[in-house]
Amino acid sequence: MGAGAYLNNHLLVAMPSLADPNFSHSVTLVCEHNERGALGIVINRPLEMRMSEVLDQLSLVTDNARLRAMPVLAGGPVQRDRGFVLHRPGEKSWESTMAVSDSLHVTTSRDVLAAMAKGEGPVQAVIALGYAGWEAGQLDEELLQNAWLTVPCDDSLIFELPFEHRWHAAARLLGIELSRISTQAGRA
């Protein structure tokens, strides 16, 4: 894949035929994609866990009921104990932040969660545990096998849309209605 074809800040929309339980009906934000591989965060798989559990595990205290009730996402099958905060950039910077785009960052350091607990963190944020990872050429091969649709990221999908609507909404960004796609592959 050429340098201009990398899928940074794109959404991977699982095709209906994708049977892998980690990715079936998923939408994954590609945070980084280069010649060494790709890293993404699944954005439509809430866990039973709430932010209150994450904050308690990190000994962070907050009286913000909305933050404590925030769902935590299953970001992918790799390092499920590692946290990722997808957020809008702000005036503050955090220890370990990567810009996915001008309007979307991902932070992996504890300081962003501490700031959120104090009410000083990003205004809009989504927390995920784990990530999706692909070795060099692996994602490219999956794309050739039609496992994924790709579409440039629309941040409103991440911050405004309910989880259960994201898979269909992401495909609609391409003008595709997933319910009309067969789960069977074949040749005419």
C-alpha atoms as a PDB file:
ATOM      1  CA  MET A   1       0.000   0.000   0.000  1.00  0.00           C
ATOM      2  CA  GLY A   2       1.457   3.384  -0.958  1.00  0.00           C
ATOM      3  CA  ALA A   3       2.050   6.163   1.578  1.00  0.00           C
ATOM      4  CA  GLY A   4      -1.001   8.064   0.347  1.00  0.00           C
ATOM      5  CA  ALA A   5      -3.260   5.055   0.860  1.00  0.00           C
ATOM      6  CA  TYR A   6      -2.921   4.716   4.612  1.00  0.00           C
ATOM      7  CA  LEU A   7      -6.198   4.745   6.503  1.00  0.00           C
ATOM      8  CA  ASN A   8      -5.387   7.048   9.413  1.00  0.00           C
ATOM      9  CA  ASN A   9      -8.581   8.708  10.706  1.00  0.00           C
ATOM     10  CA  HIS A  10     -10.802   6.298   8.774  1.00  0.00           C
ATOM     11  CA  LEU A  11     -13.479   3.985  10.048  1.00  0.00           C
ATOM     12  CA  LEU A  12     -13.387   0.293   9.282  1.00  0.00           C
ATOM     13  CA  VAL A  13     -16.959  -0.931   8.974  1.00  0.00           C
ATOM     14  CA  ALA A  14     -17.236  -4.708   9.301  1.00  0.00           C
ATOM     15  CA  MET A  15     -18.974  -6.336   6.373  1.00  0.00           C
ATOM     16  CA  PRO A  16     -22.012  -8.443   7.384  1.00  0.00           C
ATOM     17  CA  SER A  17     -20.039 -11.572   6.409  1.00  0.00           C
ATOM     18  CA  LEU A  18     -17.194 -10.866   8.866  1.00  0.00           C
ATOM     19  CA  ALA A  19     -17.612 -13.701  11.381  1.00  0.00           C
ATOM     20  CA  ASP A  20     -14.724 -12.985  13.784  1.00  0.00           C
ATOM     21  CA  PRO A  21     -16.513 -12.421  17.131  1.00  0.00           C
ATOM     22  CA  ASN A  22     -14.053  -9.623  17.973  1.00  0.00           C
ATOM     23  CA  PHE A  23     -15.145  -7.617  14.944  1.00  0.00           C
ATOM     24  CA  SER A  24     -18.555  -8.841  13.787  1.00  0.00           C
ATOM     25  CA  HIS A  25     -20.792  -5.785  13.216  1.00  0.00           C
ATOM     26  CA  SER A  26     -18.045  -3.494  14.520  1.00  0.00           C
ATOM     27  CA  VAL A  27     -16.872  -0.007  13.644  1.00  0.00           C
ATOM     28  CA  THR A  28     -13.175   0.586  14.266  1.00  0.00           C
ATOM     29  CA  LEU A  29     -11.417   3.948  14.210  1.00  0.00           C
ATOM     30  CA  VAL A  30      -7.972   3.595  12.618  1.00  0.00           C
ATOM     31  CA  CYS A  31      -5.723   5.696  14.848  1.00  0.00           C
ATOM     32  CA  GLU A  32      -2.458   4.786  13.143  1.00  0.00           C
ATOM     33  CA  HIS A  33      -1.693   2.976   9.880  1.00  0.00           C
ATOM     34  CA  ASN A  34       1.720   2.817   8.272  1.00  0.00           C
ATOM     35  CA  GLU A  35       4.195   0.379   6.724  1.00  0.00           C
ATOM     36  CA  ARG A  36       4.601  -1.397  10.092  1.00  0.00           C
ATOM     37  CA  GLY A  37       0.884  -2.134  10.541  1.00  0.00           C
ATOM     38  CA  ALA A  38      -2.207  -0.526  12.024  1.00  0.00           C
ATOM     39  CA  LEU A  39      -3.799   0.272  15.379  1.00  0.00           C
ATOM     40  CA  GLY A  40      -7.497   0.926  15.820  1.00  0.00           C
ATOM     41  CA  ILE A  41     -10.133   1.338  18.524  1.00  0.00           C
ATOM     42  CA  VAL A  42     -13.532  -0.338  18.201  1.00  0.00           C
ATOM     43  CA  ILE A  43     -16.092   2.407  18.898  1.00  0.00           C
ATOM     44  CA  ASN A  44     -19.386   0.528  19.105  1.00  0.00           C
ATOM     45  CA  ARG A  45     -18.884  -2.210  21.709  1.00  0.00           C
ATOM     46  CA  PRO A  46     -19.784  -1.056  25.225  1.00  0.00           C
ATOM     47  CA  LEU A  47     -18.705  -3.294  28.097  1.00  0.00           C
ATOM     48  CA  GLU A  48     -20.802  -3.906  31.199  1.00  0.00           C
ATOM     49  CA  MET A  49     -18.178  -1.756  32.945  1.00  0.00           C
ATOM     50  CA  ARG A  50     -18.705   1.906  33.818  1.00  0.00           C
ATOM     51  CA  MET A  51     -16.106   4.651  34.236  1.00  0.00           C
ATOM     52  CA  SER A  52     -16.605   4.474  38.013  1.00  0.00           C
ATOM     53  CA  GLU A  53     -14.815   1.091  38.010  1.00  0.00           C
ATOM     54  CA  VAL A  54     -11.873   2.471  36.027  1.00  0.00           C
ATOM     55  CA  LEU A  55     -11.586   5.502  38.305  1.00  0.00           C
ATOM     56  CA  ASP A  56     -11.805   3.307  41.426  1.00  0.00           C
ATOM     57  CA  GLN A  57      -9.054   0.990  40.103  1.00  0.00           C
ATOM     58  CA  LEU A  58      -6.829   4.028  39.573  1.00  0.00           C
ATOM     59  CA  SER A  59      -7.753   5.547  42.962  1.00  0.00           C
ATOM     60  CA  LEU A  60      -9.214   8.605  41.256  1.00  0.00           C
ATOM     61  CA  VAL A  61     -12.113  10.301  43.023  1.00  0.00           C
ATOM     62  CA  THR A  62     -14.862  12.333  41.383  1.00  0.00           C
ATOM     63  CA  ASP A  63     -18.333  13.476  42.315  1.00  0.00           C
ATOM     64  CA  ASN A  64     -19.275  13.843  38.637  1.00  0.00           C
ATOM     65  CA  ALA A  65     -22.179  11.380  38.308  1.00  0.00           C
ATOM     66  CA  ARG A  66     -22.218  11.658  34.495  1.00  0.00           C
ATOM     67  CA  LEU A  67     -18.527  10.697  34.292  1.00  0.00           C
ATOM     68  CA  ARG A  68     -18.948   7.824  36.776  1.00  0.00           C
ATOM     69  CA  ALA A  69     -21.870   6.424  34.732  1.00  0.00           C
ATOM     70  CA  MET A  70     -20.071   6.707  31.374  1.00  0.00           C
ATOM     71  CA  PRO A  71     -19.820   3.328  29.615  1.00  0.00           C
ATOM     72  CA  VAL A  72     -16.415   1.883  28.783  1.00  0.00           C
ATOM     73  CA  LEU A  73     -15.880   0.367  25.341  1.00  0.00           C
ATOM     74  CA  ALA A  74     -14.216  -2.895  24.379  1.00  0.00           C
ATOM     75  CA  GLY A  75     -11.645  -1.241  22.120  1.00  0.00           C
ATOM     76  CA  GLY A  76     -10.314  -4.490  20.704  1.00  0.00           C
ATOM     77  CA  PRO A  77      -8.855  -7.880  21.543  1.00  0.00           C
ATOM     78  CA  VAL A  78      -5.265  -6.726  22.202  1.00  0.00           C
ATOM     79  CA  GLN A  79      -4.118  -5.613  25.707  1.00  0.00           C
ATOM     80  CA  ARG A  80      -7.638  -5.431  27.141  1.00  0.00           C
ATOM     81  CA  ASP A  81      -6.288  -3.963  30.370  1.00  0.00           C
ATOM     82  CA  ARG A  82      -4.802  -0.921  28.577  1.00  0.00           C
ATOM     83  CA  GLY A  83      -6.935   2.211  28.455  1.00  0.00           C
ATOM     84  CA  PHE A  84      -7.447   4.587  25.550  1.00  0.00           C
ATOM     85  CA  VAL A  85      -9.240   7.928  25.736  1.00  0.00           C
ATOM     86  CA  LEU A  86     -10.581   9.247  22.424  1.00  0.00           C
ATOM     87  CA  HIS A  87     -11.190  12.964  22.826  1.00  0.00           C
ATOM     88  CA  ARG A  88     -11.376  16.358  21.248  1.00  0.00           C
ATOM     89  CA  PRO A  89      -8.157  18.358  21.507  1.00  0.00           C
ATOM     90  CA  GLY A  90      -8.194  21.105  24.096  1.00  0.00           C
ATOM     91  CA  GLU A  91      -6.029  23.766  25.645  1.00  0.00           C
ATOM     92  CA  LYS A  92      -4.226  21.218  27.812  1.00  0.00           C
ATOM     93  CA  SER A  93      -1.888  18.526  26.589  1.00  0.00           C
ATOM     94  CA  TRP A  94      -1.397  15.090  28.099  1.00  0.00           C
ATOM     95  CA  GLU A  95       1.695  12.937  28.596  1.00  0.00           C
ATOM     96  CA  SER A  96       0.930  10.345  25.926  1.00  0.00           C
ATOM     97  CA  THR A  97      -1.308  11.716  23.197  1.00  0.00           C
ATOM     98  CA  MET A  98      -1.432  10.993  19.493  1.00  0.00           C
ATOM     99  CA  ALA A  99      -3.320  13.211  17.064  1.00  0.00           C
ATOM    100  CA  VAL A 100      -5.595  11.052  14.931  1.00  0.00           C
ATOM    101  CA  SER A 101      -6.790  14.226  13.172  1.00  0.00           C
ATOM    102  CA  ASP A 102      -7.029  17.955  13.921  1.00  0.00           C
ATOM    103  CA  SER A 103     -10.291  17.304  15.768  1.00  0.00           C
ATOM    104  CA  LEU A 104      -9.617  13.911  17.375  1.00  0.00           C
ATOM    105  CA  HIS A 105      -6.849  12.718  19.682  1.00  0.00           C
ATOM    106  CA  VAL A 106      -6.186   9.484  21.559  1.00  0.00           C
ATOM    107  CA  THR A 107      -4.441   9.533  24.947  1.00  0.00           C
ATOM    108  CA  THR A 108      -3.133   6.534  26.866  1.00  0.00           C
ATOM    109  CA  SER A 109      -1.693   8.213  29.963  1.00  0.00           C
ATOM    110  CA  ARG A 110      -3.348   8.360  33.402  1.00  0.00           C
ATOM    111  CA  ASP A 111      -3.116  12.164  33.584  1.00  0.00           C
ATOM    112  CA  VAL A 112      -6.073  12.663  31.212  1.00  0.00           C
ATOM    113  CA  LEU A 113      -8.292  10.498  33.456  1.00  0.00           C
ATOM    114  CA  ALA A 114      -7.108  12.375  36.547  1.00  0.00           C
ATOM    115  CA  ALA A 115      -8.021  15.650  34.851  1.00  0.00           C
ATOM    116  CA  MET A 116     -11.431  14.277  33.856  1.00  0.00           C
ATOM    117  CA  ALA A 117     -12.058  13.240  37.469  1.00  0.00           C
ATOM    118  CA  LYS A 118     -11.298  16.829  38.563  1.00  0.00           C
ATOM    119  CA  GLY A 119     -13.550  18.281  35.867  1.00  0.00           C
ATOM    120  CA  GLU A 120     -10.539  19.632  33.957  1.00  0.00           C
ATOM    121  CA  GLY A 121     -10.315  17.041  31.185  1.00  0.00           C
ATOM    122  CA  PRO A 122     -11.574  16.988  27.633  1.00  0.00           C
ATOM    123  CA  VAL A 123     -15.180  18.095  27.212  1.00  0.00           C
ATOM    124  CA  GLN A 124     -15.992  15.192  24.883  1.00  0.00           C
ATOM    125  CA  ALA A 125     -14.313  11.833  25.471  1.00  0.00           C
ATOM    126  CA  VAL A 126     -14.855   8.117  25.001  1.00  0.00           C
ATOM    127  CA  ILE A 127     -12.925   5.530  27.025  1.00  0.00           C
ATOM    128  CA  ALA A 128     -11.950   2.107  25.641  1.00  0.00           C
ATOM    129  CA  LEU A 129     -10.040  -0.853  27.042  1.00  0.00           C
ATOM    130  CA  GLY A 130      -7.909  -2.724  24.524  1.00  0.00           C
ATOM    131  CA  TYR A 131      -7.238  -2.093  20.877  1.00  0.00           C
ATOM    132  CA  ALA A 132      -7.269  -3.755  17.482  1.00  0.00           C
ATOM    133  CA  GLY A 133      -3.857  -4.348  15.954  1.00  0.00           C
ATOM    134  CA  TRP A 134      -2.693  -5.501  12.539  1.00  0.00           C
ATOM    135  CA  GLU A 135       0.826  -6.467  11.517  1.00  0.00           C
ATOM    136  CA  ALA A 136       2.405  -5.068   8.352  1.00  0.00           C
ATOM    137  CA  GLY A 137       0.195  -5.914   5.369  1.00  0.00           C
ATOM    138  CA  GLN A 138      -2.455  -7.712   7.453  1.00  0.00           C
ATOM    139  CA  LEU A 139      -5.122  -4.998   7.236  1.00  0.00           C
ATOM    140  CA  ASP A 140      -4.393  -4.553   3.532  1.00  0.00           C
ATOM    141  CA  GLU A 141      -5.043  -8.278   3.025  1.00  0.00           C
ATOM    142  CA  GLU A 142      -8.310  -8.110   4.985  1.00  0.00           C
ATOM    143  CA  LEU A 143      -9.403  -5.197   2.788  1.00  0.00           C
ATOM    144  CA  LEU A 144      -8.636  -7.234  -0.340  1.00  0.00           C
ATOM    145  CA  GLN A 145     -10.794 -10.037   1.092  1.00  0.00           C
ATOM    146  CA  ASN A 146     -13.688  -7.553   1.472  1.00  0.00           C
ATOM    147  CA  ALA A 147     -13.843  -7.914   5.265  1.00  0.00           C
ATOM    148  CA  TRP A 148     -14.184  -4.151   5.730  1.00  0.00           C
ATOM    149  CA  LEU A 149     -15.692  -1.051   4.198  1.00  0.00           C
ATOM    150  CA  THR A 150     -13.603   2.075   4.764  1.00  0.00           C
ATOM    151  CA  VAL A 151     -14.853   5.613   5.173  1.00  0.00           C
ATOM    152  CA  PRO A 152     -13.235   8.839   6.440  1.00  0.00           C
ATOM    153  CA  CYS A 153     -14.095   9.342  10.105  1.00  0.00           C
ATOM    154  CA  ASP A 154     -16.988  11.558  11.068  1.00  0.00           C
ATOM    155  CA  ASP A 155     -16.333  12.543  14.699  1.00  0.00           C
ATOM    156  CA  SER A 156     -20.051  12.927  15.417  1.00  0.00           C
ATOM    157  CA  LEU A 157     -20.350   9.147  15.104  1.00  0.00           C
ATOM    158  CA  ILE A 158     -17.951   8.785  18.045  1.00  0.00           C
ATOM    159  CA  PHE A 159     -19.262  11.536  20.297  1.00  0.00           C
ATOM    160  CA  GLU A 160     -22.956  11.925  19.482  1.00  0.00           C
ATOM    161  CA  LEU A 161     -24.462   8.702  18.144  1.00  0.00           C
ATOM    162  CA  PRO A 162     -25.649   5.828  20.388  1.00  0.00           C
ATOM    163  CA  PHE A 163     -23.401   2.759  20.161  1.00  0.00           C
ATOM    164  CA  GLU A 164     -26.091   0.536  18.665  1.00  0.00           C
ATOM    165  CA  HIS A 165     -26.556   2.890  15.668  1.00  0.00           C
ATOM    166  CA  ARG A 166     -22.890   3.348  14.742  1.00  0.00           C
ATOM    167  CA  TRP A 167     -22.429   0.311  12.471  1.00  0.00           C
ATOM    168  CA  HIS A 168     -25.306   1.234  10.148  1.00  0.00           C
ATOM    169  CA  ALA A 169     -24.543   4.975  10.352  1.00  0.00           C
ATOM    170  CA  ALA A 170     -20.900   4.452   9.381  1.00  0.00           C
ATOM    171  CA  ALA A 171     -21.919   2.469   6.288  1.00  0.00           C
ATOM    172  CA  ARG A 172     -24.490   5.128   5.397  1.00  0.00           C
ATOM    173  CA  LEU A 173     -21.613   7.638   5.173  1.00  0.00           C
ATOM    174  CA  LEU A 174     -20.762   5.672   2.004  1.00  0.00           C
ATOM    175  CA  GLY A 175     -24.385   5.508   0.899  1.00  0.00           C
ATOM    176  CA  ILE A 176     -24.552   1.794   1.768  1.00  0.00           C
ATOM    177  CA  GLU A 177     -27.431   0.132   3.585  1.00  0.00           C
ATOM    178  CA  LEU A 178     -25.899  -2.890   5.363  1.00  0.00           C
ATOM    179  CA  SER A 179     -29.233  -4.686   5.682  1.00  0.00           C
ATOM    180  CA  ARG A 180     -29.255  -5.024   1.877  1.00  0.00           C
ATOM    181  CA  ILE A 181     -25.854  -6.710   1.686  1.00  0.00           C
ATOM    182  CA  SER A 182     -25.814 -10.484   1.574  1.00  0.00           C
ATOM    183  CA  THR A 183     -23.758 -12.303   4.177  1.00  0.00           C
ATOM    184  CA  GLN A 184     -22.870 -14.899   1.515  1.00  0.00           C
ATOM    185  CA  ALA A 185     -19.995 -14.329  -0.884  1.00  0.00           C
ATOM    186  CA  GLY A 186     -19.965 -15.846  -4.352  1.00  0.00           C
ATOM    187  CA  ARG A 187     -19.558 -15.302  -8.045  1.00  0.00           C
ATOM    188  CA  ALA A 188     -22.223 -14.552 -10.590  1.00  0.00           C
END
